[in-house]
Amino acid sequence: MANVIRLDGDLANYNAQLVNSVSDDLPSPAAVSQVDGPSQGAAAAEFIGHLRTRAQELAAEVAAVQEYVRKNAQALTTAVATLRERDELSATEAAQTTSLIETASAPVAGASATGGAAGVRGALGVPQ
C-alpha cells in the first residue's frame, strides 16, 4: 500500500502568501544588528538619555523639597512641638519628625554625595 500525500493547491498558495507577507514586514538586514553590552545601539542610547532626563527632573524636585524644608525648618519644628503639646503627636513621632527636619535642613556642603539630589544624579551618571 502506498501512502498518498495530498495538498490542496489553494491552501498551499494561501500559506505561501502568508510567509511572503510576514517576510515583507521584517526589517532589512542592514537595520538588524547585534548589540553586545548595555550601552551599544541607538535604542539603548535613547533609553539612557530618557533616564538621565528623568533623573535630572527628579533631582530638581528633591532639591526643591530640601530647600523648602531648609527655609521652613523653624516653622516645622514649632508645628511639631505644638502638636506634641496638644497630645496630637506621640513623643516618638515628634522625635522622629524633629530628627527628619534637622537632617533635611542640614547645610548642603555637609550633605552626603550619595543622598538627595546628588544621589539621584550619581545613580544614573548625571554630572553634578
C-alpha atoms as a PDB file:
ATOM      1  CA  MET A   1       0.000   0.000   0.000  1.00  0.00           C
ATOM      2  CA  ALA A   2       1.208   3.357  -0.847  1.00  0.00           C
ATOM      3  CA  ASN A   3       0.540   6.377   1.264  1.00  0.00           C
ATOM      4  CA  VAL A   4      -0.526   9.377  -0.690  1.00  0.00           C
ATOM      5  CA  ILE A   5       0.256  12.875   0.483  1.00  0.00           C
ATOM      6  CA  ARG A   6      -2.101  15.307  -0.988  1.00  0.00           C
ATOM      7  CA  LEU A   7      -2.024  19.079  -0.770  1.00  0.00           C
ATOM      8  CA  ASP A   8      -4.758  21.358  -1.886  1.00  0.00           C
ATOM      9  CA  GLY A   9      -3.401  23.985  -4.289  1.00  0.00           C
ATOM     10  CA  ASP A  10      -5.429  26.842  -2.766  1.00  0.00           C
ATOM     11  CA  LEU A  11      -4.182  26.058   0.725  1.00  0.00           C
ATOM     12  CA  ALA A  12      -0.576  25.914  -0.491  1.00  0.00           C
ATOM     13  CA  ASN A  13      -0.953  29.288  -2.206  1.00  0.00           C
ATOM     14  CA  TYR A  14      -2.524  30.825   0.903  1.00  0.00           C
ATOM     15  CA  ASN A  15       0.331  29.581   3.124  1.00  0.00           C
ATOM     16  CA  ALA A  16       2.918  30.864   0.648  1.00  0.00           C
ATOM     17  CA  GLN A  17       1.262  34.291   0.690  1.00  0.00           C
ATOM     18  CA  LEU A  18       1.347  34.326   4.497  1.00  0.00           C
ATOM     19  CA  VAL A  19       5.059  33.522   4.535  1.00  0.00           C
ATOM     20  CA  ASN A  20       5.763  36.230   1.954  1.00  0.00           C
ATOM     21  CA  SER A  21       3.663  38.870   3.736  1.00  0.00           C
ATOM     22  CA  VAL A  22       5.425  38.210   7.059  1.00  0.00           C
ATOM     23  CA  SER A  23       8.848  38.375   5.467  1.00  0.00           C
ATOM     24  CA  ASP A  24       7.925  41.729   3.892  1.00  0.00           C
ATOM     25  CA  ASP A  25       7.315  43.114   7.405  1.00  0.00           C
ATOM     26  CA  LEU A  26      10.738  42.079   8.678  1.00  0.00           C
ATOM     27  CA  PRO A  27      13.421  44.789   8.876  1.00  0.00           C
ATOM     28  CA  SER A  28      16.202  44.752   6.335  1.00  0.00           C
ATOM     29  CA  PRO A  29      19.475  43.019   7.260  1.00  0.00           C
ATOM     30  CA  ALA A  30      21.112  46.486   7.428  1.00  0.00           C
ATOM     31  CA  ALA A  31      18.659  47.559  10.139  1.00  0.00           C
ATOM     32  CA  VAL A  32      19.301  44.453  12.244  1.00  0.00           C
ATOM     33  CA  SER A  33      22.457  44.495  14.324  1.00  0.00           C
ATOM     34  CA  GLN A  34      23.825  42.521  17.199  1.00  0.00           C
ATOM     35  CA  VAL A  35      24.192  44.534  20.388  1.00  0.00           C
ATOM     36  CA  ASP A  36      26.768  43.443  22.938  1.00  0.00           C
ATOM     37  CA  GLY A  37      26.655  45.210  26.264  1.00  0.00           C
ATOM     38  CA  PRO A  38      24.263  47.695  27.824  1.00  0.00           C
ATOM     39  CA  SER A  39      25.373  50.875  26.070  1.00  0.00           C
ATOM     40  CA  GLN A  40      25.518  49.971  22.396  1.00  0.00           C
ATOM     41  CA  GLY A  41      22.839  50.753  19.875  1.00  0.00           C
ATOM     42  CA  ALA A  42      20.520  53.644  19.235  1.00  0.00           C
ATOM     43  CA  ALA A  43      17.688  52.233  21.354  1.00  0.00           C
ATOM     44  CA  ALA A  44      19.941  51.860  24.403  1.00  0.00           C
ATOM     45  CA  ALA A  45      21.341  55.374  23.962  1.00  0.00           C
ATOM     46  CA  GLU A  46      17.821  56.789  23.653  1.00  0.00           C
ATOM     47  CA  PHE A  47      16.683  54.923  26.776  1.00  0.00           C
ATOM     48  CA  ILE A  48      19.698  56.075  28.793  1.00  0.00           C
ATOM     49  CA  GLY A  49      19.075  59.640  27.632  1.00  0.00           C
ATOM     50  CA  HIS A  50      15.462  59.310  28.771  1.00  0.00           C
ATOM     51  CA  LEU A  51      16.622  58.035  32.179  1.00  0.00           C
ATOM     52  CA  ARG A  52      19.071  60.931  32.518  1.00  0.00           C
ATOM     53  CA  THR A  53      16.334  63.443  31.729  1.00  0.00           C
ATOM     54  CA  ARG A  54      14.039  61.892  34.321  1.00  0.00           C
ATOM     55  CA  ALA A  55      16.893  61.761  36.858  1.00  0.00           C
ATOM     56  CA  GLN A  56      17.526  65.465  36.362  1.00  0.00           C
ATOM     57  CA  GLU A  57      13.821  66.215  36.817  1.00  0.00           C
ATOM     58  CA  LEU A  58      13.692  64.068  39.959  1.00  0.00           C
ATOM     59  CA  ALA A  59      16.862  65.688  41.304  1.00  0.00           C
ATOM     60  CA  ALA A  60      15.313  69.125  40.783  1.00  0.00           C
ATOM     61  CA  GLU A  61      12.211  68.040  42.723  1.00  0.00           C
ATOM     62  CA  VAL A  62      14.329  66.592  45.540  1.00  0.00           C
ATOM     63  CA  ALA A  63      16.342  69.822  45.704  1.00  0.00           C
ATOM     64  CA  ALA A  64      13.128  71.881  45.818  1.00  0.00           C
ATOM     65  CA  VAL A  65      11.777  69.821  48.725  1.00  0.00           C
ATOM     66  CA  GLN A  66      15.099  70.092  50.569  1.00  0.00           C
ATOM     67  CA  GLU A  67      15.131  73.865  50.041  1.00  0.00           C
ATOM     68  CA  TYR A  68      11.531  74.156  51.288  1.00  0.00           C
ATOM     69  CA  VAL A  69      12.393  72.210  54.433  1.00  0.00           C
ATOM     70  CA  ARG A  70      15.524  74.331  54.984  1.00  0.00           C
ATOM     71  CA  LYS A  71      13.554  77.577  54.610  1.00  0.00           C
ATOM     72  CA  ASN A  72      10.758  76.378  56.886  1.00  0.00           C
ATOM     73  CA  ALA A  73      12.705  74.287  59.401  1.00  0.00           C
ATOM     74  CA  GLN A  74      11.882  76.549  62.344  1.00  0.00           C
ATOM     75  CA  ALA A  75       8.161  76.666  61.474  1.00  0.00           C
ATOM     76  CA  LEU A  76       8.058  72.901  61.019  1.00  0.00           C
ATOM     77  CA  THR A  77       9.829  72.337  64.349  1.00  0.00           C
ATOM     78  CA  THR A  78       7.381  74.703  66.064  1.00  0.00           C
ATOM     79  CA  ALA A  79       4.452  72.845  64.480  1.00  0.00           C
ATOM     80  CA  VAL A  80       5.812  69.530  65.779  1.00  0.00           C
ATOM     81  CA  ALA A  81       6.186  70.996  69.281  1.00  0.00           C
ATOM     82  CA  THR A  82       2.619  72.379  69.158  1.00  0.00           C
ATOM     83  CA  LEU A  83       1.218  69.013  68.057  1.00  0.00           C
ATOM     84  CA  ARG A  84       3.166  67.299  70.839  1.00  0.00           C
ATOM     85  CA  GLU A  85       1.812  69.740  73.442  1.00  0.00           C
ATOM     86  CA  ARG A  86      -1.757  69.111  72.261  1.00  0.00           C
ATOM     87  CA  ASP A  87      -1.212  65.335  72.510  1.00  0.00           C
ATOM     88  CA  GLU A  88      -1.915  65.019  68.791  1.00  0.00           C
ATOM     89  CA  LEU A  89       1.522  63.536  68.216  1.00  0.00           C
ATOM     90  CA  SER A  90       3.323  60.914  70.302  1.00  0.00           C
ATOM     91  CA  ALA A  91       6.743  61.598  71.790  1.00  0.00           C
ATOM     92  CA  THR A  92       8.292  59.029  69.448  1.00  0.00           C
ATOM     93  CA  GLU A  93       6.649  60.537  66.359  1.00  0.00           C
ATOM     94  CA  ALA A  94       7.670  64.024  67.476  1.00  0.00           C
ATOM     95  CA  ALA A  95      11.287  62.933  67.962  1.00  0.00           C
ATOM     96  CA  GLN A  96      11.367  61.201  64.583  1.00  0.00           C
ATOM     97  CA  THR A  97       9.834  64.194  62.832  1.00  0.00           C
ATOM     98  CA  THR A  98      12.191  66.650  64.526  1.00  0.00           C
ATOM     99  CA  SER A  99      15.151  64.455  63.577  1.00  0.00           C
ATOM    100  CA  LEU A 100      13.930  64.327  59.980  1.00  0.00           C
ATOM    101  CA  ILE A 101      13.596  68.134  59.889  1.00  0.00           C
ATOM    102  CA  GLU A 102      17.101  68.584  61.311  1.00  0.00           C
ATOM    103  CA  THR A 103      18.580  66.124  58.831  1.00  0.00           C
ATOM    104  CA  ALA A 104      16.771  67.655  55.866  1.00  0.00           C
ATOM    105  CA  SER A 105      17.694  71.206  56.866  1.00  0.00           C
ATOM    106  CA  ALA A 106      21.408  70.452  57.252  1.00  0.00           C
ATOM    107  CA  PRO A 107      23.655  72.590  55.018  1.00  0.00           C
ATOM    108  CA  VAL A 108      24.249  71.221  51.526  1.00  0.00           C
ATOM    109  CA  ALA A 109      28.041  71.381  51.920  1.00  0.00           C
ATOM    110  CA  GLY A 110      27.865  68.823  54.715  1.00  0.00           C
ATOM    111  CA  ALA A 111      25.386  66.620  52.893  1.00  0.00           C
ATOM    112  CA  SER A 112      26.336  63.196  51.662  1.00  0.00           C
ATOM    113  CA  ALA A 113      27.202  62.850  47.969  1.00  0.00           C
ATOM    114  CA  THR A 114      25.085  59.694  47.908  1.00  0.00           C
ATOM    115  CA  GLY A 115      21.800  61.144  49.149  1.00  0.00           C
ATOM    116  CA  GLY A 116      19.133  63.518  47.914  1.00  0.00           C
ATOM    117  CA  ALA A 117      19.553  65.151  44.518  1.00  0.00           C
ATOM    118  CA  ALA A 118      23.242  64.154  44.394  1.00  0.00           C
ATOM    119  CA  GLY A 119      22.265  60.529  44.908  1.00  0.00           C
ATOM    120  CA  VAL A 120      19.728  60.645  42.096  1.00  0.00           C
ATOM    121  CA  ARG A 121      22.261  62.199  39.739  1.00  0.00           C
ATOM    122  CA  GLY A 122      25.027  59.824  40.808  1.00  0.00           C
ATOM    123  CA  ALA A 123      22.882  56.712  40.367  1.00  0.00           C
ATOM    124  CA  LEU A 124      22.473  57.399  36.656  1.00  0.00           C
ATOM    125  CA  GLY A 125      25.804  59.069  35.936  1.00  0.00           C
ATOM    126  CA  VAL A 126      24.383  62.565  35.530  1.00  0.00           C
ATOM    127  CA  PRO A 127      27.043  65.249  36.187  1.00  0.00           C
ATOM    128  CA  GLN A 128      26.684  67.099  39.495  1.00  0.00           C
END
